[in-house]
Amino acid sequence: MKGMTPEEIYRQSFTQIRQGLDVSCSGEERCIIERIIHATADWDYRDTMRIHPRAVKSAVEAIRLKLPIVTDVTMVLAGFNHGLMERTGVKSWCYVNDPETYNVAPRLNMTRAAWGIKQAARIHGNNVIVVIANAPTALLEALHVVEEGWRPHVIIGVPVGFVMAKEAKESLTQQSHTPYITNLSEKGGSPVGAAIVNALLQLAGGKVC
């Protein structure tokens, strides 16, 4: 292993992942799962991922239309492949640290992440990709706004946590309004949300994983 170049490490990592990834799914879905495992070194995602039949197509179309991505926390933004973002022309937004969020969320007894997603729905409307990777409350709020008529192109819901995370994800899979990408476990987080987006950016650019 000593003296391996970054490119060699990258190639060998994906070779090992592909050898160990014995799942029945489309090539596009496999691309997403490979990226998640590469980001987390966690094989559990082979079994826990749930990808709506229209999710990848809807997300890729949205990226090609240069629709914005909104996230629950800024750490998700940090994991996006900024080269791919620039090439696709997609912009990303997060409202968790907006002054209005700090002022309004406590008064409504909401988390800032949840209020930020509510703001995203108001500002961007339906023409958006939603990525929630840390706050289960943000995913629950997204589902609440979906019930009120919000229709984002896709919801990537992979919040991490022992309280409400798995339950929120299960609720995401039970709604029928919006395509989704999620995992049915307590695991998740910024690296997972970013990995999914990066895989979708690659697919939108025509790259085969």
Protein backbone atom coordinates (compact mmCIF):
# COMPACT_ATOMS: atom_id res chain seq x y z
CA MET A 1 0.00 0.00 0.00
CA LYS A 2 2.91 2.33 0.68
CA GLY A 3 3.56 4.80 -2.09
CA MET A 4 0.15 4.49 -3.72
CA THR A 5 -1.04 7.57 -5.57
CA PRO A 6 -4.41 9.16 -4.73
CA GLU A 7 -5.75 7.84 -8.04
CA GLU A 8 -4.63 4.31 -7.23
CA ILE A 9 -6.22 4.46 -3.78
CA TYR A 10 -9.45 5.75 -5.34
CA ARG A 11 -9.56 3.00 -7.96
CA GLN A 12 -8.74 0.25 -5.47
CA SER A 13 -11.38 1.50 -3.07
CA PHE A 14 -14.09 1.28 -5.70
CA THR A 15 -12.83 -2.09 -6.89
CA GLN A 16 -13.27 -3.47 -3.36
CA ILE A 17 -16.68 -1.86 -3.01
CA ARG A 18 -17.92 -3.30 -6.30
CA GLN A 19 -16.66 -6.75 -5.39
CA GLY A 20 -18.57 -6.62 -2.12
CA LEU A 21 -21.72 -4.99 -3.44
CA ASP A 22 -24.07 -7.86 -4.19
CA VAL A 23 -27.39 -6.06 -4.48
CA SER A 24 -30.17 -6.26 -7.03
CA CYS A 25 -30.69 -2.74 -8.37
CA SER A 26 -30.28 -0.61 -11.46
CA GLY A 27 -26.87 0.70 -12.48
CA GLU A 28 -27.86 4.20 -11.42
CA GLU A 29 -28.96 3.04 -7.99
CA ARG A 30 -25.76 1.05 -7.64
CA CYS A 31 -23.79 4.21 -8.40
CA ILE A 32 -25.50 5.94 -5.47
CA ILE A 33 -24.91 3.07 -3.06
CA GLU A 34 -21.25 2.78 -4.12
CA ARG A 35 -20.73 6.47 -3.40
CA ILE A 36 -22.32 6.16 0.03
CA ILE A 37 -20.19 3.17 1.00
CA HIS A 38 -17.08 4.94 -0.28
CA ALA A 39 -17.91 7.97 1.89
CA THR A 40 -18.73 5.97 5.02
CA ALA A 41 -16.93 2.59 4.79
CA ASP A 42 -20.22 1.15 6.03
CA TRP A 43 -21.59 -1.92 4.27
CA ASP A 44 -24.97 -1.64 6.00
CA TYR A 45 -26.09 0.73 3.25
CA ARG A 46 -26.23 -2.25 0.89
CA ASP A 47 -29.36 -3.37 2.72
CA THR A 48 -30.95 -0.22 4.13
CA MET A 49 -31.18 2.09 1.11
CA ARG A 50 -34.62 2.76 -0.34
CA ILE A 51 -34.80 4.55 -3.69
CA HIS A 52 -38.15 5.47 -5.20
CA PRO A 53 -38.54 4.21 -8.81
CA ARG A 54 -38.74 7.78 -10.16
CA ALA A 55 -36.18 9.37 -7.84
CA VAL A 56 -33.02 9.13 -9.93
CA LYS A 57 -34.70 10.21 -13.16
CA SER A 58 -36.42 13.13 -11.43
CA ALA A 59 -33.20 14.26 -9.72
CA VAL A 60 -31.12 14.00 -12.90
CA GLU A 61 -33.71 15.99 -14.84
CA ALA A 62 -33.73 18.65 -12.13
CA ILE A 63 -29.93 18.93 -12.21
CA ARG A 64 -29.92 19.24 -16.00
CA LEU A 65 -32.48 22.05 -15.64
CA LYS A 66 -30.06 23.71 -13.18
CA LEU A 67 -32.63 23.68 -10.39
CA PRO A 68 -31.26 24.57 -6.94
CA ILE A 69 -30.42 22.17 -4.15
CA VAL A 70 -31.50 23.08 -0.62
CA THR A 71 -30.11 21.41 2.49
CA ASP A 72 -30.92 21.31 6.19
CA VAL A 73 -27.41 22.22 7.41
CA THR A 74 -24.31 23.79 5.92
CA MET A 75 -22.14 20.72 6.53
CA VAL A 76 -23.96 18.99 3.68
CA LEU A 77 -22.98 21.79 1.30
CA ALA A 78 -19.32 21.31 2.22
CA GLY A 79 -19.38 17.75 0.91
CA PHE A 80 -20.64 18.56 -2.57
CA ASN A 81 -18.19 18.11 -5.43
CA HIS A 82 -17.82 21.77 -6.33
CA GLY A 83 -16.25 21.00 -9.70
CA LEU A 84 -19.34 19.02 -10.68
CA MET A 85 -21.58 21.75 -9.27
CA GLU A 86 -19.86 24.34 -11.43
CA ARG A 87 -20.01 22.19 -14.55
CA THR A 88 -23.71 21.51 -14.13
CA GLY A 89 -24.48 25.10 -13.14
CA VAL A 90 -26.42 23.99 -10.05
CA LYS A 91 -26.53 26.30 -7.03
CA SER A 92 -27.04 25.19 -3.42
CA TRP A 93 -28.75 26.93 -0.52
CA CYS A 94 -29.18 26.47 3.21
CA TYR A 95 -31.31 28.69 5.44
CA VAL A 96 -30.36 27.34 8.87
CA ASN A 97 -28.18 30.36 9.67
CA ASP A 98 -30.36 33.10 8.22
CA PRO A 99 -31.19 35.93 10.67
CA GLU A 100 -34.89 35.27 10.19
CA THR A 101 -34.34 31.63 11.12
CA TYR A 102 -32.65 32.64 14.39
CA ASN A 103 -35.51 35.01 15.18
CA VAL A 104 -38.54 32.96 14.16
CA ALA A 105 -37.67 29.32 14.89
CA PRO A 106 -37.44 29.68 18.70
CA ARG A 107 -40.73 31.58 18.84
CA LEU A 108 -42.46 28.73 16.98
CA ASN A 109 -40.69 26.07 19.06
CA MET A 110 -39.06 24.71 15.89
CA THR A 111 -35.48 23.69 15.25
CA ARG A 112 -33.58 26.04 12.97
CA ALA A 113 -33.11 23.21 10.47
CA ALA A 114 -36.87 22.62 10.30
CA TRP A 115 -37.63 26.31 9.87
CA GLY A 116 -34.91 26.52 7.20
CA ILE A 117 -36.63 23.82 5.16
CA LYS A 118 -39.96 25.63 5.57
CA GLN A 119 -38.25 28.76 4.26
CA ALA A 120 -36.78 26.83 1.34
CA ALA A 121 -40.26 25.69 0.32
CA ARG A 122 -41.53 29.27 0.45
CA ILE A 123 -38.59 30.74 -1.46
CA HIS A 124 -37.97 28.09 -4.12
CA GLY A 125 -41.34 26.41 -4.52
CA ASN A 126 -41.50 23.08 -6.32
CA ASN A 127 -38.45 23.61 -8.54
CA VAL A 128 -35.91 22.28 -6.10
CA ILE A 129 -34.00 19.23 -4.88
CA VAL A 130 -34.21 18.77 -1.10
CA VAL A 131 -31.34 17.18 0.85
CA ILE A 132 -31.86 16.52 4.57
CA ALA A 133 -28.97 14.68 6.18
CA ASN A 134 -28.72 15.74 9.80
CA ALA A 135 -31.98 16.90 11.35
CA PRO A 136 -34.95 14.51 11.56
CA THR A 137 -37.09 17.53 12.48
CA ALA A 138 -36.26 19.06 9.10
CA LEU A 139 -37.42 15.92 7.30
CA LEU A 140 -40.63 15.84 9.33
CA GLU A 141 -41.25 19.50 8.47
CA ALA A 142 -40.59 18.78 4.79
CA LEU A 143 -43.19 16.01 4.91
CA HIS A 144 -45.63 18.36 6.62
CA VAL A 145 -45.19 20.96 3.86
CA VAL A 146 -45.53 18.22 1.22
CA GLU A 147 -48.88 17.32 2.75
CA GLU A 148 -49.84 20.98 2.30
CA GLY A 149 -49.02 20.82 -1.41
CA TRP A 150 -45.25 21.28 -1.80
CA ARG A 151 -43.84 19.11 -4.60
CA PRO A 152 -40.03 19.19 -4.79
CA HIS A 153 -38.52 17.13 -7.58
CA VAL A 154 -36.97 14.72 -5.08
CA ILE A 155 -36.36 14.52 -1.34
CA ILE A 156 -33.07 12.98 -0.25
CA GLY A 157 -33.81 12.19 3.38
CA VAL A 158 -30.94 10.59 5.29
CA PRO A 159 -30.87 12.31 8.70
CA VAL A 160 -28.78 10.68 11.40
CA GLY A 161 -29.88 10.10 14.98
CA PHE A 162 -31.51 7.88 17.59
CA VAL A 163 -34.56 10.11 18.08
CA MET A 164 -37.07 10.38 15.22
CA ALA A 165 -34.54 9.70 12.44
CA LYS A 166 -35.66 6.22 11.44
CA GLU A 167 -39.32 7.10 11.99
CA ALA A 168 -39.04 10.19 9.78
CA LYS A 169 -37.45 8.13 7.01
CA GLU A 170 -40.19 5.53 7.24
CA SER A 171 -42.76 8.31 6.89
CA LEU A 172 -40.91 9.55 3.80
CA THR A 173 -41.29 6.15 2.14
CA GLN A 174 -44.99 6.01 3.01
CA GLN A 175 -45.96 9.28 1.31
CA SER A 176 -46.84 9.10 -2.38
CA HIS A 177 -46.39 12.71 -3.51
CA THR A 178 -42.63 13.07 -4.02
CA PRO A 179 -39.86 10.71 -5.17
CA TYR A 180 -37.32 10.01 -2.45
CA ILE A 181 -33.93 8.52 -1.63
CA THR A 182 -33.50 7.36 1.96
CA ASN A 183 -32.21 4.61 4.25
CA LEU A 184 -34.22 2.81 6.89
CA SER A 185 -31.92 3.02 9.89
CA GLU A 186 -30.60 5.49 12.43
CA LYS A 187 -27.50 6.03 10.30
CA GLY A 188 -26.98 8.89 7.86
CA GLY A 189 -25.44 12.34 8.10
CA SER A 190 -23.72 14.92 5.93
CA PRO A 191 -21.30 12.51 4.19
CA VAL A 192 -24.24 10.35 3.09
CA GLY A 193 -26.32 13.26 1.81
CA ALA A 194 -23.35 14.70 -0.06
CA ALA A 195 -22.39 11.33 -1.53
CA ILE A 196 -25.89 10.89 -2.97
CA VAL A 197 -25.81 14.35 -4.53
CA ASN A 198 -22.35 13.75 -5.99
CA ALA A 199 -23.51 10.50 -7.57
CA LEU A 200 -26.52 12.27 -9.08
CA LEU A 201 -24.30 15.06 -10.40
CA GLN A 202 -22.13 12.45 -12.11
CA LEU A 203 -25.17 10.75 -13.61
CA ALA A 204 -26.57 14.07 -14.81
CA GLY A 205 -23.25 14.74 -16.54
CA GLY A 206 -23.50 11.47 -18.39
CA LYS A 207 -20.71 9.70 -16.51
CA VAL A 208 -21.13 5.98 -15.98
CA CYS A 209 -20.19 4.96 -12.43
